[in-house]
Amino acid sequence: MIKNKLNNQGNRFAQIAKLRELVFHAQDLANLWQIKNPNTLYTTLKRYNKKGLLFRIYKGLYSIKPIHELDPLLLGIRAIHQFAYISTETVLAQAGIIQQNINNITLISSQSKRFSIGNYHYYSRQLKDEYLYQTIGIINKDGIRIANVNRAIADMLYFNPQAYFDANKLINWKEVKKIQQKIGY
């Protein structure tokens, strides 16, 4: 019986390893492990968390690493649990286009939401689906979708047409306009 439990546990973590993902929603694990009973799932997750095999980020969100070892951008994307990408203030501050102190990691998704995970603070801006799923100017870097600078500027102007950019001379306005036209902003 004990040997069977250990084999089952090892098999479950082998399944996780095959996915090469670090952060999971409980329902993702239920589907992967074919657990239909919610009580069985949450009891299993609670035990794995207690043993240090999985780390609970918050209710329904788990990781194979502690929060402080995870990329905060990945955490935000996984927490939204739908199509989302990093853009606006986060991208523009990293590029030096805006120089204000940015306290939140800014995401674009189909919902407006503020939330925190550990010491990280997030703000998800809601974008209409007709624009959201247009991936022009969005790159996928290690499983994290991130807007390039031109897309981030186009997004910022969509949300705030009067936005001020500190390093205006670094902006390729011709490319920004092309992106705006292709998306339909």
N, C-alpha and C. Protein backbone atom coordinates (compact mmCIF):
# COMPACT_ATOMS: atom_id res chain seq x y z
N MET A 1 0.83 -1.20 0.00
CA MET A 1 0.00 0.00 0.00
C MET A 1 0.87 1.26 0.00
N ILE A 2 1.87 1.32 0.90
CA ILE A 2 2.76 2.50 0.96
C ILE A 2 3.56 2.62 -0.33
N LYS A 3 4.05 1.48 -0.83
CA LYS A 3 4.82 1.50 -2.07
C LYS A 3 3.96 2.01 -3.23
N ASN A 4 2.68 1.61 -3.27
CA ASN A 4 1.75 2.05 -4.31
C ASN A 4 1.52 3.57 -4.22
N LYS A 5 1.38 4.10 -2.98
CA LYS A 5 1.20 5.55 -2.81
C LYS A 5 2.42 6.32 -3.30
N LEU A 6 3.62 5.83 -2.95
CA LEU A 6 4.85 6.51 -3.38
C LEU A 6 4.99 6.46 -4.89
N ASN A 7 4.64 5.33 -5.49
CA ASN A 7 4.70 5.19 -6.94
C ASN A 7 3.72 6.16 -7.60
N ASN A 8 2.51 6.26 -7.06
CA ASN A 8 1.50 7.18 -7.58
C ASN A 8 1.98 8.63 -7.47
N GLN A 9 2.57 8.96 -6.31
CA GLN A 9 3.09 10.32 -6.09
C GLN A 9 4.21 10.61 -7.08
N GLY A 10 5.12 9.68 -7.26
CA GLY A 10 6.22 9.86 -8.21
C GLY A 10 5.72 10.03 -9.63
N ASN A 11 4.70 9.25 -9.98
CA ASN A 11 4.10 9.35 -11.31
C ASN A 11 3.46 10.72 -11.52
N ARG A 12 2.81 11.23 -10.50
CA ARG A 12 2.18 12.56 -10.61
C ARG A 12 3.22 13.65 -10.85
N PHE A 13 4.34 13.57 -10.17
CA PHE A 13 5.36 14.60 -10.36
C PHE A 13 6.12 14.41 -11.66
N ALA A 14 6.18 13.18 -12.15
CA ALA A 14 6.75 12.95 -13.48
C ALA A 14 5.86 13.61 -14.54
N GLN A 15 4.54 13.53 -14.35
CA GLN A 15 3.60 14.19 -15.27
C GLN A 15 3.80 15.70 -15.26
N ILE A 16 4.00 16.28 -14.09
CA ILE A 16 4.25 17.72 -13.99
C ILE A 16 5.55 18.08 -14.70
N ALA A 17 6.59 17.28 -14.47
CA ALA A 17 7.90 17.55 -15.07
C ALA A 17 7.81 17.55 -16.60
N LYS A 18 7.01 16.67 -17.17
CA LYS A 18 6.86 16.61 -18.63
C LYS A 18 6.29 17.90 -19.19
N LEU A 19 5.45 18.58 -18.42
CA LEU A 19 4.83 19.82 -18.90
C LEU A 19 5.82 20.98 -18.93
N ARG A 20 6.88 20.89 -18.15
CA ARG A 20 7.90 21.96 -18.04
C ARG A 20 7.29 23.29 -17.64
N GLU A 21 6.30 23.23 -16.78
CA GLU A 21 5.65 24.42 -16.23
C GLU A 21 6.01 24.53 -14.76
N LEU A 22 6.01 25.74 -14.23
CA LEU A 22 6.33 25.95 -12.82
C LEU A 22 5.10 26.26 -11.97
N VAL A 23 4.08 26.85 -12.58
CA VAL A 23 2.91 27.31 -11.84
C VAL A 23 1.66 26.66 -12.43
N PHE A 24 0.79 26.17 -11.53
CA PHE A 24 -0.40 25.45 -11.96
C PHE A 24 -1.62 25.89 -11.17
N HIS A 25 -2.76 25.86 -11.83
CA HIS A 25 -4.02 26.02 -11.14
C HIS A 25 -4.47 24.63 -10.68
N ALA A 26 -5.19 24.58 -9.60
CA ALA A 26 -5.65 23.31 -9.06
C ALA A 26 -6.40 22.51 -10.12
N GLN A 27 -7.22 23.17 -10.91
CA GLN A 27 -7.98 22.46 -11.93
C GLN A 27 -7.08 21.86 -13.00
N ASP A 28 -5.97 22.53 -13.31
CA ASP A 28 -5.00 21.97 -14.25
C ASP A 28 -4.45 20.65 -13.72
N LEU A 29 -4.14 20.64 -12.42
CA LEU A 29 -3.62 19.42 -11.79
C LEU A 29 -4.69 18.33 -11.73
N ALA A 30 -5.92 18.72 -11.46
CA ALA A 30 -7.03 17.75 -11.44
C ALA A 30 -7.15 17.07 -12.80
N ASN A 31 -7.07 17.85 -13.85
CA ASN A 31 -7.16 17.29 -15.21
C ASN A 31 -5.96 16.40 -15.51
N LEU A 32 -4.77 16.85 -15.17
CA LEU A 32 -3.54 16.10 -15.43
C LEU A 32 -3.55 14.76 -14.68
N TRP A 33 -3.97 14.81 -13.43
CA TRP A 33 -3.96 13.61 -12.58
C TRP A 33 -5.27 12.84 -12.64
N GLN A 34 -6.22 13.31 -13.42
CA GLN A 34 -7.53 12.67 -13.58
C GLN A 34 -8.24 12.46 -12.24
N ILE A 35 -8.24 13.51 -11.43
CA ILE A 35 -8.94 13.49 -10.15
C ILE A 35 -10.25 14.25 -10.34
N LYS A 36 -11.34 13.56 -10.17
CA LYS A 36 -12.66 14.18 -10.38
C LYS A 36 -13.27 14.72 -9.10
N ASN A 37 -12.94 14.14 -7.97
CA ASN A 37 -13.51 14.55 -6.69
C ASN A 37 -12.73 15.74 -6.13
N PRO A 38 -13.38 16.91 -5.95
CA PRO A 38 -12.67 18.09 -5.43
C PRO A 38 -12.04 17.86 -4.06
N ASN A 39 -12.69 17.10 -3.20
CA ASN A 39 -12.12 16.83 -1.88
C ASN A 39 -10.82 16.04 -1.98
N THR A 40 -10.79 15.06 -2.87
CA THR A 40 -9.58 14.28 -3.09
C THR A 40 -8.46 15.18 -3.60
N LEU A 41 -8.80 16.03 -4.54
CA LEU A 41 -7.80 16.95 -5.11
C LEU A 41 -7.22 17.85 -4.03
N TYR A 42 -8.09 18.52 -3.27
CA TYR A 42 -7.58 19.48 -2.28
C TYR A 42 -6.86 18.80 -1.12
N THR A 43 -7.26 17.59 -0.78
CA THR A 43 -6.54 16.83 0.24
C THR A 43 -5.15 16.47 -0.27
N THR A 44 -5.07 16.04 -1.52
CA THR A 44 -3.78 15.70 -2.14
C THR A 44 -2.88 16.93 -2.20
N LEU A 45 -3.43 18.05 -2.66
CA LEU A 45 -2.63 19.28 -2.75
C LEU A 45 -2.16 19.74 -1.38
N LYS A 46 -3.02 19.63 -0.40
CA LYS A 46 -2.67 20.03 0.97
C LYS A 46 -1.52 19.17 1.50
N ARG A 47 -1.58 17.88 1.25
CA ARG A 47 -0.51 16.97 1.70
C ARG A 47 0.80 17.27 0.99
N TYR A 48 0.74 17.48 -0.33
CA TYR A 48 1.96 17.80 -1.09
C TYR A 48 2.55 19.12 -0.63
N ASN A 49 1.70 20.08 -0.31
CA ASN A 49 2.17 21.36 0.20
C ASN A 49 2.85 21.18 1.55
N LYS A 50 2.24 20.40 2.42
CA LYS A 50 2.79 20.17 3.75
C LYS A 50 4.16 19.48 3.68
N LYS A 51 4.32 18.58 2.71
CA LYS A 51 5.59 17.86 2.52
C LYS A 51 6.63 18.71 1.80
N GLY A 52 6.23 19.88 1.27
CA GLY A 52 7.16 20.74 0.54
C GLY A 52 7.37 20.31 -0.90
N LEU A 53 6.47 19.48 -1.42
CA LEU A 53 6.57 19.03 -2.80
C LEU A 53 5.93 20.03 -3.76
N LEU A 54 4.90 20.71 -3.29
CA LEU A 54 4.25 21.79 -4.01
C LEU A 54 4.14 22.99 -3.08
N PHE A 55 4.13 24.17 -3.65
CA PHE A 55 4.01 25.39 -2.85
C PHE A 55 2.70 26.08 -3.22
N ARG A 56 1.93 26.41 -2.20
CA ARG A 56 0.65 27.08 -2.41
C ARG A 56 0.92 28.58 -2.55
N ILE A 57 0.55 29.13 -3.68
CA ILE A 57 0.73 30.56 -3.91
C ILE A 57 -0.45 31.30 -3.31
N TYR A 58 -1.63 30.87 -3.63
CA TYR A 58 -2.88 31.27 -3.00
C TYR A 58 -3.90 30.21 -3.36
N LYS A 59 -5.10 30.33 -2.87
CA LYS A 59 -6.09 29.28 -3.08
C LYS A 59 -6.25 28.97 -4.57
N GLY A 60 -5.99 27.72 -4.89
CA GLY A 60 -6.17 27.26 -6.26
C GLY A 60 -4.97 27.46 -7.17
N LEU A 61 -3.88 28.06 -6.69
CA LEU A 61 -2.69 28.30 -7.51
C LEU A 61 -1.47 27.73 -6.78
N TYR A 62 -0.76 26.85 -7.46
CA TYR A 62 0.37 26.14 -6.85
C TYR A 62 1.58 26.21 -7.75
N SER A 63 2.75 25.95 -7.14
CA SER A 63 3.99 25.98 -7.88
C SER A 63 4.91 24.86 -7.40
N ILE A 64 5.86 24.51 -8.24
CA ILE A 64 6.86 23.53 -7.82
C ILE A 64 8.07 24.21 -7.18
N LYS A 65 8.05 25.54 -7.15
CA LYS A 65 9.11 26.33 -6.50
C LYS A 65 8.46 27.34 -5.56
N PRO A 66 9.19 27.79 -4.53
CA PRO A 66 8.65 28.86 -3.67
C PRO A 66 8.48 30.16 -4.46
N ILE A 67 7.59 31.01 -3.98
CA ILE A 67 7.29 32.27 -4.68
C ILE A 67 8.55 33.08 -4.98
N HIS A 68 9.46 33.19 -4.02
CA HIS A 68 10.64 34.04 -4.21
C HIS A 68 11.58 33.52 -5.30
N GLU A 69 11.39 32.29 -5.76
CA GLU A 69 12.23 31.74 -6.83
C GLU A 69 11.56 31.83 -8.20
N LEU A 70 10.36 32.37 -8.24
CA LEU A 70 9.61 32.46 -9.50
C LEU A 70 9.71 33.84 -10.11
N ASP A 71 9.65 33.90 -11.41
CA ASP A 71 9.63 35.16 -12.14
C ASP A 71 8.30 35.85 -11.83
N PRO A 72 8.32 37.08 -11.32
CA PRO A 72 7.07 37.76 -10.98
C PRO A 72 6.17 37.98 -12.20
N LEU A 73 6.75 38.10 -13.39
CA LEU A 73 5.94 38.25 -14.59
C LEU A 73 5.15 36.97 -14.87
N LEU A 74 5.82 35.83 -14.72
CA LEU A 74 5.16 34.54 -14.90
C LEU A 74 4.03 34.36 -13.90
N LEU A 75 4.28 34.73 -12.66
CA LEU A 75 3.24 34.62 -11.62
C LEU A 75 1.98 35.40 -12.00
N GLY A 76 2.17 36.62 -12.46
CA GLY A 76 1.03 37.46 -12.84
C GLY A 76 0.24 36.87 -13.99
N ILE A 77 0.95 36.40 -15.01
CA ILE A 77 0.30 35.80 -16.17
C ILE A 77 -0.49 34.56 -15.75
N ARG A 78 0.13 33.70 -14.94
CA ARG A 78 -0.54 32.47 -14.51
C ARG A 78 -1.72 32.77 -13.58
N ALA A 79 -1.62 33.80 -12.77
CA ALA A 79 -2.71 34.14 -11.84
C ALA A 79 -3.95 34.58 -12.59
N ILE A 80 -3.77 35.30 -13.71
CA ILE A 80 -4.90 35.75 -14.51
C ILE A 80 -5.66 34.55 -15.08
N HIS A 81 -4.94 33.50 -15.45
CA HIS A 81 -5.50 32.22 -15.91
C HIS A 81 -6.36 32.37 -17.17
N GLN A 82 -5.93 33.26 -18.04
CA GLN A 82 -6.53 33.43 -19.36
C GLN A 82 -5.51 34.19 -20.19
N PHE A 83 -5.84 34.47 -21.44
CA PHE A 83 -4.90 35.18 -22.30
C PHE A 83 -4.57 36.53 -21.68
N ALA A 84 -3.29 36.79 -21.50
CA ALA A 84 -2.82 38.06 -20.94
C ALA A 84 -1.39 38.28 -21.40
N TYR A 85 -0.97 39.52 -21.37
CA TYR A 85 0.43 39.83 -21.67
C TYR A 85 0.87 41.05 -20.86
N ILE A 86 2.17 41.18 -20.70
CA ILE A 86 2.77 42.29 -19.96
C ILE A 86 2.89 43.47 -20.92
N SER A 87 2.49 44.66 -20.47
CA SER A 87 2.55 45.82 -21.37
C SER A 87 2.57 47.12 -20.57
N THR A 88 2.23 48.18 -21.22
CA THR A 88 2.13 49.57 -20.74
C THR A 88 3.26 49.94 -19.78
N GLU A 89 2.93 50.37 -18.57
CA GLU A 89 3.93 50.94 -17.66
C GLU A 89 5.12 50.02 -17.40
N THR A 90 4.88 48.73 -17.25
CA THR A 90 5.97 47.81 -16.95
C THR A 90 6.99 47.78 -18.08
N VAL A 91 6.53 47.63 -19.30
CA VAL A 91 7.42 47.57 -20.46
C VAL A 91 8.09 48.93 -20.68
N LEU A 92 7.31 50.00 -20.58
CA LEU A 92 7.85 51.34 -20.86
C LEU A 92 8.85 51.79 -19.81
N ALA A 93 8.65 51.41 -18.57
CA ALA A 93 9.63 51.75 -17.52
C ALA A 93 10.93 50.98 -17.75
N GLN A 94 10.83 49.69 -18.11
CA GLN A 94 12.03 48.90 -18.38
C GLN A 94 12.81 49.45 -19.57
N ALA A 95 12.11 50.02 -20.54
CA ALA A 95 12.76 50.58 -21.73
C ALA A 95 13.25 52.01 -21.51
N GLY A 96 12.92 52.62 -20.37
CA GLY A 96 13.34 53.99 -20.10
C GLY A 96 12.46 55.04 -20.75
N ILE A 97 11.32 54.64 -21.30
CA ILE A 97 10.41 55.59 -21.97
C ILE A 97 9.65 56.43 -20.93
N ILE A 98 9.29 55.80 -19.82
CA ILE A 98 8.72 56.54 -18.69
C ILE A 98 9.64 56.33 -17.50
N GLN A 99 9.76 57.35 -16.67
CA GLN A 99 10.73 57.25 -15.60
C GLN A 99 10.13 57.36 -14.21
N GLN A 100 8.80 57.24 -14.14
CA GLN A 100 8.16 57.21 -12.83
C GLN A 100 8.47 55.87 -12.15
N ASN A 101 8.36 55.87 -10.84
CA ASN A 101 8.54 54.63 -10.10
C ASN A 101 7.27 53.80 -10.26
N ILE A 102 7.39 52.65 -10.87
CA ILE A 102 6.24 51.78 -11.14
C ILE A 102 6.16 50.73 -10.04
N ASN A 103 5.06 50.75 -9.29
CA ASN A 103 4.89 49.81 -8.17
C ASN A 103 4.16 48.53 -8.55
N ASN A 104 3.43 48.57 -9.67
CA ASN A 104 2.66 47.41 -10.11
C ASN A 104 3.23 46.84 -11.39
N ILE A 105 3.11 45.54 -11.55
CA ILE A 105 3.38 44.91 -12.83
C ILE A 105 2.07 45.01 -13.60
N THR A 106 2.13 45.59 -14.79
CA THR A 106 0.91 45.85 -15.55
C THR A 106 0.71 44.78 -16.61
N LEU A 107 -0.48 44.19 -16.57
CA LEU A 107 -0.88 43.17 -17.53
C LEU A 107 -2.04 43.71 -18.35
N ILE A 108 -2.23 43.12 -19.51
CA ILE A 108 -3.39 43.41 -20.33
C ILE A 108 -4.14 42.08 -20.47
N SER A 109 -5.42 42.10 -20.17
CA SER A 109 -6.25 40.89 -20.28
C SER A 109 -7.69 41.31 -20.53
N SER A 110 -8.60 40.38 -20.42
CA SER A 110 -10.01 40.70 -20.64
C SER A 110 -10.71 41.12 -19.36
N GLN A 111 -9.95 41.31 -18.28
CA GLN A 111 -10.56 41.75 -17.03
C GLN A 111 -9.72 42.82 -16.35
N SER A 112 -10.40 43.71 -15.67
CA SER A 112 -9.74 44.73 -14.88
C SER A 112 -9.63 44.19 -13.46
N LYS A 113 -8.42 44.17 -12.95
CA LYS A 113 -8.22 43.52 -11.66
C LYS A 113 -6.91 43.99 -11.02
N ARG A 114 -6.95 44.21 -9.73
CA ARG A 114 -5.73 44.48 -8.95
C ARG A 114 -5.56 43.33 -7.97
N PHE A 115 -4.33 42.83 -7.85
CA PHE A 115 -4.08 41.75 -6.91
C PHE A 115 -2.61 41.72 -6.53
N SER A 116 -2.31 41.01 -5.47
CA SER A 116 -0.94 40.86 -5.00
C SER A 116 -0.64 39.39 -4.78
N ILE A 117 0.60 39.03 -5.05
CA ILE A 117 1.11 37.69 -4.75
C ILE A 117 2.45 37.90 -4.07
N GLY A 118 2.52 37.49 -2.81
CA GLY A 118 3.74 37.73 -2.05
C GLY A 118 4.00 39.23 -1.99
N ASN A 119 5.19 39.64 -2.38
CA ASN A 119 5.56 41.06 -2.38
C ASN A 119 5.30 41.75 -3.71
N TYR A 120 4.71 41.03 -4.67
CA TYR A 120 4.48 41.57 -6.00
C TYR A 120 3.04 42.08 -6.12
N HIS A 121 2.90 43.24 -6.76
CA HIS A 121 1.59 43.85 -6.95
C HIS A 121 1.31 43.94 -8.45
N TYR A 122 0.08 43.63 -8.81
CA TYR A 122 -0.31 43.55 -10.21
C TYR A 122 -1.53 44.41 -10.49
N TYR A 123 -1.57 44.91 -11.71
CA TYR A 123 -2.74 45.62 -12.19
C TYR A 123 -3.02 45.11 -13.60
N SER A 124 -4.17 44.52 -13.79
CA SER A 124 -4.57 44.04 -15.10
C SER A 124 -5.54 45.04 -15.70
N ARG A 125 -5.18 45.56 -16.86
CA ARG A 125 -6.05 46.49 -17.59
C ARG A 125 -6.93 45.68 -18.53
N GLN A 126 -8.19 46.03 -18.59
CA GLN A 126 -9.13 45.32 -19.43
C GLN A 126 -9.10 45.87 -20.85
N LEU A 127 -8.89 44.96 -21.81
CA LEU A 127 -8.87 45.34 -23.22
C LEU A 127 -9.95 44.52 -23.95
N LYS A 128 -10.66 45.17 -24.85
CA LYS A 128 -11.70 44.47 -25.61
C LYS A 128 -11.09 43.29 -26.36
N ASP A 129 -11.82 42.20 -26.42
CA ASP A 129 -11.34 40.98 -27.08
C ASP A 129 -10.90 41.23 -28.51
N GLU A 130 -11.58 42.12 -29.22
CA GLU A 130 -11.24 42.38 -30.62
C GLU A 130 -9.80 42.91 -30.76
N TYR A 131 -9.28 43.53 -29.71
CA TYR A 131 -7.90 44.03 -29.72
C TYR A 131 -6.95 43.10 -28.98
N LEU A 132 -7.45 42.50 -27.92
CA LEU A 132 -6.63 41.68 -27.02
C LEU A 132 -5.91 40.55 -27.74
N TYR A 133 -6.63 39.84 -28.58
CA TYR A 133 -6.06 38.64 -29.21
C TYR A 133 -5.25 38.93 -30.46
N GLN A 134 -5.06 40.19 -30.79
CA GLN A 134 -4.19 40.53 -31.90
C GLN A 134 -2.76 40.60 -31.36
N THR A 135 -1.94 39.68 -31.78
CA THR A 135 -0.61 39.51 -31.19
C THR A 135 0.49 40.33 -31.87
N ILE A 136 0.11 41.31 -32.64
CA ILE A 136 1.08 42.20 -33.29
C ILE A 136 1.90 42.89 -32.20
N GLY A 137 3.21 42.74 -32.28
CA GLY A 137 4.09 43.41 -31.31
C GLY A 137 4.18 42.71 -29.96
N ILE A 138 3.71 41.49 -29.88
CA ILE A 138 3.80 40.73 -28.62
C ILE A 138 4.71 39.54 -28.87
N ILE A 139 5.72 39.40 -28.02
CA ILE A 139 6.64 38.27 -28.15
C ILE A 139 6.41 37.30 -26.99
N ASN A 140 6.75 36.06 -27.21
CA ASN A 140 6.65 35.04 -26.17
C ASN A 140 8.06 34.73 -25.71
N LYS A 141 8.35 35.08 -24.47
CA LYS A 141 9.69 34.89 -23.91
C LYS A 141 9.57 33.96 -22.72
N ASP A 142 10.03 32.73 -22.89
CA ASP A 142 9.98 31.71 -21.84
C ASP A 142 8.57 31.51 -21.29
N GLY A 143 7.59 31.48 -22.18
CA GLY A 143 6.21 31.25 -21.77
C GLY A 143 5.48 32.48 -21.25
N ILE A 144 6.13 33.63 -21.34
CA ILE A 144 5.53 34.88 -20.87
C ILE A 144 5.35 35.79 -22.09
N ARG A 145 4.11 36.19 -22.35
CA ARG A 145 3.85 37.11 -23.46
C ARG A 145 4.12 38.54 -22.99
N ILE A 146 4.97 39.24 -23.77
CA ILE A 146 5.36 40.60 -23.42
C ILE A 146 5.26 41.48 -24.66
N ALA A 147 4.66 42.64 -24.50
CA ALA A 147 4.56 43.60 -25.60
C ALA A 147 5.94 44.20 -25.86
N ASN A 148 6.24 44.46 -27.14
CA ASN A 148 7.45 45.22 -27.41
C ASN A 148 7.14 46.68 -27.09
N VAL A 149 8.13 47.53 -27.16
CA VAL A 149 7.96 48.93 -26.78
C VAL A 149 6.88 49.61 -27.61
N ASN A 150 6.88 49.37 -28.91
CA ASN A 150 5.90 50.02 -29.79
C ASN A 150 4.47 49.57 -29.45
N ARG A 151 4.28 48.30 -29.18
CA ARG A 151 2.94 47.81 -28.81
C ARG A 151 2.54 48.39 -27.45
N ALA A 152 3.51 48.45 -26.52
CA ALA A 152 3.21 49.00 -25.19
C ALA A 152 2.77 50.46 -25.29
N ILE A 153 3.40 51.22 -26.19
CA ILE A 153 3.01 52.63 -26.38
C ILE A 153 1.61 52.69 -27.00
N ALA A 154 1.35 51.85 -28.00
CA ALA A 154 0.03 51.81 -28.62
C ALA A 154 -1.03 51.46 -27.58
N ASP A 155 -0.72 50.48 -26.73
CA ASP A 155 -1.66 50.09 -25.66
C ASP A 155 -1.88 51.25 -24.70
N MET A 156 -0.79 51.90 -24.31
CA MET A 156 -0.88 53.01 -23.36
C MET A 156 -1.75 54.14 -23.93
N LEU A 157 -1.57 54.44 -25.20
CA LEU A 157 -2.36 55.49 -25.83
C LEU A 157 -3.84 55.08 -25.97
N TYR A 158 -4.09 53.79 -26.10
CA TYR A 158 -5.48 53.31 -26.13
C TYR A 158 -6.16 53.60 -24.79
N PHE A 159 -5.45 53.30 -23.70
CA PHE A 159 -6.02 53.50 -22.37
C PHE A 159 -6.00 54.96 -21.94
N ASN A 160 -4.98 55.70 -22.39
CA ASN A 160 -4.86 57.10 -22.01
C ASN A 160 -4.28 57.90 -23.19
N PRO A 161 -5.15 58.44 -24.02
CA PRO A 161 -4.67 59.18 -25.20
C PRO A 161 -3.79 60.38 -24.85
N GLN A 162 -3.86 60.86 -23.63
CA GLN A 162 -3.05 62.01 -23.20
C GLN A 162 -1.78 61.58 -22.45
N ALA A 163 -1.41 60.32 -22.55
CA ALA A 163 -0.25 59.80 -21.81
C ALA A 163 1.01 60.61 -22.14
N TYR A 164 1.83 60.79 -21.11
CA TYR A 164 3.08 61.52 -21.28
C TYR A 164 4.24 60.53 -21.25
N PHE A 165 5.17 60.68 -22.17
CA PHE A 165 6.34 59.80 -22.24
C PHE A 165 7.59 60.65 -22.00
N ASP A 166 8.37 60.28 -21.01
CA ASP A 166 9.55 61.05 -20.64
C ASP A 166 10.61 61.07 -21.74
N ALA A 167 10.81 59.92 -22.37
CA ALA A 167 11.85 59.82 -23.41
C ALA A 167 11.18 59.75 -24.78
N ASN A 168 10.50 60.80 -25.13
CA ASN A 168 9.74 60.88 -26.37
C ASN A 168 10.61 60.64 -27.60
N LYS A 169 11.88 61.03 -27.52
CA LYS A 169 12.79 60.90 -28.67
C LYS A 169 13.18 59.44 -28.95
N LEU A 170 12.97 58.57 -27.97
CA LEU A 170 13.29 57.15 -28.16
C LEU A 170 12.16 56.38 -28.85
N ILE A 171 11.04 57.03 -29.06
CA ILE A 171 9.87 56.36 -29.61
C ILE A 171 9.87 56.42 -31.13
N ASN A 172 9.64 55.29 -31.75
CA ASN A 172 9.50 55.20 -33.20
C ASN A 172 8.01 55.36 -33.51
N TRP A 173 7.58 56.61 -33.68
CA TRP A 173 6.16 56.92 -33.85
C TRP A 173 5.57 56.29 -35.11
N LYS A 174 6.39 56.11 -36.14
CA LYS A 174 5.91 55.49 -37.37
C LYS A 174 5.48 54.04 -37.10
N GLU A 175 6.29 53.32 -36.33
CA GLU A 175 5.96 51.92 -35.98
C GLU A 175 4.75 51.86 -35.05
N VAL A 176 4.66 52.79 -34.13
CA VAL A 176 3.50 52.84 -33.22
C VAL A 176 2.22 53.02 -34.02
N LYS A 177 2.24 53.94 -34.98
CA LYS A 177 1.06 54.18 -35.82
C LYS A 177 0.68 52.94 -36.62
N LYS A 178 1.69 52.22 -37.15
CA LYS A 178 1.43 50.99 -37.90
C LYS A 178 0.72 49.97 -37.01
N ILE A 179 1.20 49.82 -35.79
CA ILE A 179 0.59 48.87 -34.87
C ILE A 179 -0.84 49.29 -34.54
N GLN A 180 -1.03 50.59 -34.28
CA GLN A 180 -2.38 51.08 -33.99
C GLN A 180 -3.34 50.79 -35.15
N GLN A 181 -2.87 50.99 -36.37
CA GLN A 181 -3.72 50.74 -37.53
C GLN A 181 -4.02 49.25 -37.69
N LYS A 182 -3.01 48.41 -37.52
CA LYS A 182 -3.21 46.96 -37.67
C LYS A 182 -4.17 46.41 -36.62
N ILE A 183 -4.06 46.92 -35.40
CA ILE A 183 -4.94 46.46 -34.31
C ILE A 183 -6.33 47.05 -34.46
N GLY A 184 -6.39 48.31 -34.92
CA GLY A 184 -7.67 49.00 -35.07
C GLY A 184 -7.95 49.96 -33.94
N TYR A 185 -6.91 50.35 -33.22
CA TYR A 185 -7.08 51.32 -32.12
C TYR A 185 -7.49 52.66 -32.69
